[in-house]
C-alpha atoms as a PDB file:
ATOM      1  CA  MET A   1     183.979-137.816  52.438  1.00  0.00           C
ATOM      2  CA  HIS A   2     180.311-138.504  53.208  1.00  0.00           C
ATOM      3  CA  ASN A   3     179.832-140.068  49.765  1.00  0.00           C
ATOM      4  CA  ARG A   4     182.787-142.348  50.405  1.00  0.00           C
ATOM      5  CA  ARG A   5     181.230-143.492  53.674  1.00  0.00           C
ATOM      6  CA  LEU A   6     177.930-144.085  51.877  1.00  0.00           C
ATOM      7  CA  GLY A   7     179.781-146.150  49.264  1.00  0.00           C
ATOM      8  CA  ALA A   8     181.373-148.240  52.012  1.00  0.00           C
ATOM      9  CA  LEU A   9     177.942-148.799  53.561  1.00  0.00           C
ATOM     10  CA  LEU A  10     176.444-149.818  50.206  1.00  0.00           C
ATOM     11  CA  ILE A  11     179.175-152.285  49.294  1.00  0.00           C
ATOM     12  CA  GLY A  12     179.042-153.776  52.794  1.00  0.00           C
ATOM     13  CA  MET A  13     175.272-154.253  52.575  1.00  0.00           C
ATOM     14  CA  TRP A  14     175.626-155.714  49.083  1.00  0.00           C
ATOM     15  CA  LEU A  15     178.276-158.301  49.961  1.00  0.00           C
ATOM     16  CA  MET A  16     176.613-159.302  53.219  1.00  0.00           C
ATOM     17  CA  GLY A  17     173.228-159.564  51.498  1.00  0.00           C
ATOM     18  CA  SER A  18     174.764-161.787  48.821  1.00  0.00           C
ATOM     19  CA  VAL A  19     176.126-164.154  51.446  1.00  0.00           C
ATOM     20  CA  LEU A  20     172.796-164.272  53.310  1.00  0.00           C
ATOM     21  CA  ALA A  21     170.800-164.818  50.095  1.00  0.00           C
ATOM     22  CA  TRP A  22     173.093-167.676  49.069  1.00  0.00           C
ATOM     23  CA  PHE A  23     172.776-169.264  52.521  1.00  0.00           C
ATOM     24  CA  VAL A  24     168.971-169.049  52.588  1.00  0.00           C
ATOM     25  CA  LYS A  25     168.628-170.492  49.063  1.00  0.00           C
ATOM     26  CA  SER A  26     170.998-173.330  49.918  1.00  0.00           C
ATOM     27  CA  GLN A  27     168.795-174.300  52.884  1.00  0.00           C
ATOM     28  CA  THR A  28     165.391-174.432  51.170  1.00  0.00           C
ATOM     29  CA  LEU A  29     165.498-178.050  49.993  1.00  0.00           C
ATOM     30  CA  ILE A  30     167.532-179.156  53.005  1.00  0.00           C
ATOM     31  CA  ASN A  31     164.795-177.814  55.287  1.00  0.00           C
ATOM     32  CA  VAL A  32     162.257-180.017  53.518  1.00  0.00           C
ATOM     33  CA  ASP A  33     164.324-183.105  54.351  1.00  0.00           C
ATOM     34  CA  ARG A  34     164.806-181.876  57.922  1.00  0.00           C
ATOM     35  CA  PHE A  35     161.079-181.353  58.353  1.00  0.00           C
ATOM     36  CA  LEU A  36     160.180-184.776  56.972  1.00  0.00           C
ATOM     37  CA  ALA A  37     162.824-186.476  59.104  1.00  0.00           C
ATOM     38  CA  ASN A  38     161.424-184.887  62.301  1.00  0.00           C
ATOM     39  CA  ALA A  39     157.751-184.427  61.475  1.00  0.00           C
ATOM     40  CA  PRO A  40     155.321-184.426  64.454  1.00  0.00           C
ATOM     41  CA  PRO A  41     153.241-187.614  64.850  1.00  0.00           C
ATOM     42  CA  GLN A  42     150.012-185.909  63.709  1.00  0.00           C
ATOM     43  CA  ILE A  43     151.630-184.634  60.522  1.00  0.00           C
ATOM     44  CA  GLU A  44     153.361-187.971  59.953  1.00  0.00           C
ATOM     45  CA  LYS A  45     149.945-189.651  59.881  1.00  0.00           C
ATOM     46  CA  SER A  46     148.748-187.160  57.250  1.00  0.00           C
ATOM     47  CA  ILE A  47     151.906-187.713  55.202  1.00  0.00           C
ATOM     48  CA  THR A  48     151.346-191.465  55.293  1.00  0.00           C
ATOM     49  CA  ALA A  49     147.687-191.060  54.314  1.00  0.00           C
ATOM     50  CA  LEU A  50     148.471-188.761  51.381  1.00  0.00           C
ATOM     51  CA  GLY A  51     151.513-190.707  50.255  1.00  0.00           C
ATOM     52  CA  ARG A  52     155.051-189.741  51.165  1.00  0.00           C
ATOM     53  CA  ASP A  53     156.190-189.253  47.566  1.00  0.00           C
ATOM     54  CA  SER A  54     153.349-186.847  46.822  1.00  0.00           C
ATOM     55  CA  VAL A  55     154.005-184.814  49.963  1.00  0.00           C
ATOM     56  CA  VAL A  56     157.727-184.643  49.225  1.00  0.00           C
ATOM     57  CA  ALA A  57     157.015-183.459  45.677  1.00  0.00           C
ATOM     58  CA  VAL A  58     154.658-180.720  46.926  1.00  0.00           C
ATOM     59  CA  LEU A  59     157.036-179.517  49.629  1.00  0.00           C
ATOM     60  CA  ARG A  60     159.993-179.466  47.229  1.00  0.00           C
ATOM     61  CA  ALA A  61     157.968-177.528  44.667  1.00  0.00           C
ATOM     62  CA  GLN A  62     157.005-174.988  47.322  1.00  0.00           C
ATOM     63  CA  ALA A  63     160.643-174.707  48.479  1.00  0.00           C
ATOM     64  CA  LEU A  64     161.854-174.133  44.916  1.00  0.00           C
ATOM     65  CA  GLN A  65     159.152-171.501  44.386  1.00  0.00           C
ATOM     66  CA  ALA A  66     160.266-169.697  47.545  1.00  0.00           C
ATOM     67  CA  SER A  67     163.873-169.871  46.357  1.00  0.00           C
ATOM     68  CA  ARG A  68     162.930-168.419  42.952  1.00  0.00           C
ATOM     69  CA  HIS A  69     160.972-165.608  44.603  1.00  0.00           C
ATOM     70  CA  LEU A  70     163.934-164.819  46.841  1.00  0.00           C
ATOM     71  CA  GLN A  71     166.265-164.765  43.829  1.00  0.00           C
ATOM     72  CA  GLU A  72     163.987-162.433  41.855  1.00  0.00           C
ATOM     73  CA  THR A  73     163.600-160.060  44.815  1.00  0.00           C
ATOM     74  CA  TRP A  74     167.307-160.057  45.568  1.00  0.00           C
ATOM     75  CA  ASP A  75     168.107-159.380  41.892  1.00  0.00           C
ATOM     76  CA  VAL A  76     166.020-156.192  42.015  1.00  0.00           C
ATOM     77  CA  VAL A  77     167.675-155.135  45.272  1.00  0.00           C
ATOM     78  CA  GLN A  78     171.114-155.781  43.780  1.00  0.00           C
ATOM     79  CA  VAL A  79     170.382-153.613  40.738  1.00  0.00           C
ATOM     80  CA  CYS A  80     169.310-150.781  43.058  1.00  0.00           C
ATOM     81  CA  LEU A  81     172.411-151.193  45.235  1.00  0.00           C
ATOM     82  CA  GLY A  82     174.639-151.356  42.164  1.00  0.00           C
ATOM     83  CA  GLY A  83     173.139-148.190  40.705  1.00  0.00           C
ATOM     84  CA  ALA A  84     173.481-146.354  44.010  1.00  0.00           C
ATOM     85  CA  LEU A  85     177.091-147.476  44.413  1.00  0.00           C
ATOM     86  CA  PHE A  86     177.974-146.413  40.878  1.00  0.00           C
ATOM     87  CA  LEU A  87     176.409-142.960  41.334  1.00  0.00           C
ATOM     88  CA  THR A  88     178.128-142.565  44.696  1.00  0.00           C
ATOM     89  CA  SER A  89     181.508-143.444  43.176  1.00  0.00           C
ATOM     90  CA  LEU A  90     180.962-140.791  40.500  1.00  0.00           C
ATOM     91  CA  LEU A  91     179.886-138.079  42.931  1.00  0.00           C
ATOM     92  CA  THR A  92     182.667-138.691  45.451  1.00  0.00           C
ATOM     93  CA  SER A  93     185.409-136.092  45.663  1.00  0.00           C
ATOM     94  CA  ASN A  94     188.830-137.499  44.703  1.00  0.00           C
ATOM     95  CA  ARG A  95     187.175-140.103  42.500  1.00  0.00           C
ATOM     96  CA  SER A  96     188.855-143.471  42.203  1.00  0.00           C
ATOM     97  CA  ARG A  97     188.890-144.964  38.711  1.00  0.00           C
ATOM     98  CA  VAL A  98     189.209-148.418  40.243  1.00  0.00           C
ATOM     99  CA  ILE A  99     186.027-148.004  42.290  1.00  0.00           C
ATOM    100  CA  ILE A 100     184.120-146.513  39.349  1.00  0.00           C
ATOM    101  CA  ALA A 101     185.193-149.344  37.020  1.00  0.00           C
ATOM    102  CA  CYS A 102     184.466-152.047  39.597  1.00  0.00           C
ATOM    103  CA  SER A 103     181.058-150.639  40.540  1.00  0.00           C
ATOM    104  CA  ALA A 104     180.122-150.366  36.849  1.00  0.00           C
ATOM    105  CA  ALA A 105     181.241-153.974  36.275  1.00  0.00           C
ATOM    106  CA  MET A 106     179.234-155.198  39.286  1.00  0.00           C
ATOM    107  CA  LEU A 107     176.161-153.319  38.074  1.00  0.00           C
ATOM    108  CA  ALA A 108     176.518-154.899  34.618  1.00  0.00           C
ATOM    109  CA  MET A 109     176.854-158.367  36.162  1.00  0.00           C
ATOM    110  CA  VAL A 110     173.751-158.112  38.324  1.00  0.00           C
ATOM    111  CA  ALA A 111     171.798-156.554  35.453  1.00  0.00           C
ATOM    112  CA  GLY A 112     172.697-159.563  33.306  1.00  0.00           C
ATOM    113  CA  ILE A 113     171.602-161.894  36.095  1.00  0.00           C
ATOM    114  CA  ALA A 114     168.361-160.021  36.801  1.00  0.00           C
ATOM    115  CA  PHE A 115     167.194-159.347  33.244  1.00  0.00           C
ATOM    116  CA  TYR A 116     168.534-162.367  31.345  1.00  0.00           C
ATOM    117  CA  LEU A 117     169.685-165.332  33.421  1.00  0.00           C
ATOM    118  CA  THR A 118     167.031-165.451  36.141  1.00  0.00           C
ATOM    119  CA  PRO A 119     164.011-165.004  33.798  1.00  0.00           C
ATOM    120  CA  ASN A 120     165.313-167.704  31.429  1.00  0.00           C
ATOM    121  CA  ILE A 121     166.071-170.081  34.290  1.00  0.00           C
ATOM    122  CA  ASP A 122     162.574-169.593  35.718  1.00  0.00           C
ATOM    123  CA  ALA A 123     161.000-170.133  32.284  1.00  0.00           C
ATOM    124  CA  LEU A 124     162.907-173.383  31.800  1.00  0.00           C
ATOM    125  CA  LEU A 125     161.960-174.646  35.255  1.00  0.00           C
ATOM    126  CA  ARG A 126     158.274-173.966  34.550  1.00  0.00           C
ATOM    127  CA  THR A 127     158.241-175.720  31.163  1.00  0.00           C
ATOM    128  CA  MET A 128     160.400-178.759  31.960  1.00  0.00           C
ATOM    129  CA  GLY A 129     157.567-180.484  33.819  1.00  0.00           C
ATOM    130  CA  ILE A 130     155.210-180.452  30.811  1.00  0.00           C
ATOM    131  CA  ALA A 131     157.703-180.968  27.952  1.00  0.00           C
ATOM    132  CA  PRO A 132     158.256-184.336  26.215  1.00  0.00           C
ATOM    133  CA  ALA A 133     161.208-186.452  27.330  1.00  0.00           C
ATOM    134  CA  GLY A 134     163.513-185.421  24.476  1.00  0.00           C
ATOM    135  CA  GLU A 135     162.841-181.736  24.919  1.00  0.00           C
ATOM    136  CA  THR A 136     163.224-182.064  28.685  1.00  0.00           C
ATOM    137  CA  PHE A 137     166.766-183.396  28.225  1.00  0.00           C
ATOM    138  CA  ILE A 138     167.699-180.432  26.007  1.00  0.00           C
ATOM    139  CA  GLN A 139     166.097-177.979  28.416  1.00  0.00           C
ATOM    140  CA  ALA A 140     167.988-179.583  31.321  1.00  0.00           C
ATOM    141  CA  GLU A 141     171.263-178.917  29.514  1.00  0.00           C
ATOM    142  CA  ASP A 142     170.273-175.305  28.847  1.00  0.00           C
ATOM    143  CA  LEU A 143     169.213-174.903  32.473  1.00  0.00           C
ATOM    144  CA  ALA A 144     172.522-176.277  33.757  1.00  0.00           C
ATOM    145  CA  SER A 145     174.441-173.919  31.458  1.00  0.00           C
ATOM    146  CA  LEU A 146     172.484-170.864  32.631  1.00  0.00           C
ATOM    147  CA  GLN A 147     172.903-171.834  36.283  1.00  0.00           C
ATOM    148  CA  VAL A 148     176.657-172.198  35.801  1.00  0.00           C
ATOM    149  CA  TRP A 149     176.817-168.730  34.251  1.00  0.00           C
ATOM    150  CA  ARG A 150     174.842-167.290  37.156  1.00  0.00           C
ATOM    151  CA  ARG A 151     177.254-168.857  39.654  1.00  0.00           C
ATOM    152  CA  VAL A 152     180.252-167.567  37.700  1.00  0.00           C
ATOM    153  CA  LEU A 153     178.862-164.029  37.652  1.00  0.00           C
ATOM    154  CA  GLU A 154     178.063-164.213  41.358  1.00  0.00           C
ATOM    155  CA  VAL A 155     181.646-165.249  42.151  1.00  0.00           C
ATOM    156  CA  LEU A 156     183.048-162.503  39.912  1.00  0.00           C
ATOM    157  CA  LYS A 157     180.711-159.986  41.552  1.00  0.00           C
ATOM    158  CA  MET A 158     181.941-160.949  45.026  1.00  0.00           C
ATOM    159  CA  ALA A 159     185.585-160.767  43.909  1.00  0.00           C
ATOM    160  CA  THR A 160     185.041-157.345  42.342  1.00  0.00           C
ATOM    161  CA  GLY A 161     183.255-156.176  45.484  1.00  0.00           C
ATOM    162  CA  THR A 162     186.257-157.257  47.539  1.00  0.00           C
ATOM    163  CA  VAL A 163     188.446-155.061  45.323  1.00  0.00           C
ATOM    164  CA  VAL A 164     186.116-152.119  45.994  1.00  0.00           C
ATOM    165  CA  VAL A 165     186.349-152.716  49.754  1.00  0.00           C
ATOM    166  CA  ALA A 166     190.149-152.895  49.582  1.00  0.00           C
ATOM    167  CA  ARG A 167     190.319-149.705  47.513  1.00  0.00           C
ATOM    168  CA  LEU A 168     188.036-147.854  49.938  1.00  0.00           C
ATOM    169  CA  LEU A 169     190.210-148.895  52.878  1.00  0.00           C
ATOM    170  CA  PHE A 170     193.367-147.893  51.003  1.00  0.00           C
ATOM    171  CA  ALA A 171     191.844-144.557  50.040  1.00  0.00           C
ATOM    172  CA  LYS A 172     190.902-143.960  53.680  1.00  0.00           C
ATOM    173  CA  HIS A 173     194.505-144.435  54.771  1.00  0.00           C
ATOM    174  CA  GLU A 174     195.653-142.161  51.941  1.00  0.00           C
ATOM    175  CA  LEU A 175     193.213-139.458  53.048  1.00  0.00           C
ATOM    176  CA  GLU A 176     194.292-139.730  56.685  1.00  0.00           C
ATOM    177  CA  SER A 177     197.965-139.512  55.678  1.00  0.00           C
ATOM    178  CA  ALA A 178     197.207-136.468  53.525  1.00  0.00           C
ATOM    179  CA  VAL A 179     195.424-134.758  56.412  1.00  0.00           C
ATOM    180  CA  VAL A 180     198.304-135.496  58.808  1.00  0.00           C
ATOM    181  CA  SER A 181     200.947-134.272  56.347  1.00  0.00           C
ATOM    182  CA  SER A 182     198.879-131.141  55.626  1.00  0.00           C
ATOM    183  CA  ARG A 183     198.646-130.348  59.323  1.00  0.00           C
ATOM    184  CA  SER A 184     202.362-130.927  59.816  1.00  0.00           C
ATOM    185  CA  ARG A 185     203.222-128.652  56.893  1.00  0.00           C
ATOM    186  CA  ARG A 186     200.899-126.008  58.292  1.00  0.00           C
ATOM    187  CA  GLY A 187     202.546-126.332  61.688  1.00  0.00           C
ATOM    188  CA  ARG A 188     206.030-125.960  60.197  1.00  0.00           C
ATOM    189  CA  ALA A 189     204.928-122.938  58.184  1.00  0.00           C
ATOM    190  CA  GLU A 190     203.497-121.284  61.281  1.00  0.00           C
ATOM    191  CA  SER A 191     206.685-122.011  63.228  1.00  0.00           C
ATOM    192  CA  ASP A 192     208.741-120.409  60.456  1.00  0.00           C
ATOM    193  CA  ILE A 193     206.502-117.344  60.345  1.00  0.00           C
ATOM    194  CA  SER A 194     206.302-116.754  64.097  1.00  0.00           C
ATOM    195  CA  PRO A 195     209.930-115.449  64.448  1.00  0.00           C
ATOM    196  CA  LEU A 196     209.309-113.048  61.607  1.00  0.00           C
ATOM    197  CA  ARG A 197     206.172-111.779  63.321  1.00  0.00           C
ATOM    198  CA  ALA A 198     208.100-111.306  66.556  1.00  0.00           C
ATOM    199  CA  LYS A 199     210.768-109.280  64.783  1.00  0.00           C
ATOM    200  CA  ALA A 200     208.153-107.163  63.064  1.00  0.00           C
ATOM    201  CA  ARG A 201     206.573-106.352  66.420  1.00  0.00           C
ATOM    202  CA  GLN A 202     209.941-105.258  67.806  1.00  0.00           C
END
């Protein structure tokens, strides 16, 4: 029972963390535009002196670097959460094959993202700025393909996590029903035995 509660806590943290990570990454470049649109007068003078295009390029590069760092950190956290969820599903009494299969699938997805997709995406982003024009076009296609795969795996991970949540809730109701029926059977058995005990005492 305690392992099941721990599993519910882990999957809740995982899904909520995924939503928060996606939201933060989606705001990195938007925040650059927000800052430049409402820059204080002192900073606006510096931006004009340095050249607006140069400042925008630097701020966007910094925002992308922060987004990559967040992705790499979150990938490691996801692998740890996935491993903990999988072990918890194995060690839980009344194991659910659905939860075990889903947690294993989620762990495989995030491992693929962390150890293959994210490193290759980062490597392409670092080399695209110094590659010749022809190679840059090919690398852009590879980058787009890898990013699509990462989004697909993220969506599949969230869908699989939803299945785990539903199965945990269903299992909880099953356990509560089993406890209630067990108590009712025990009560009926005691009521059947009590007349016999009374007769024996007489």
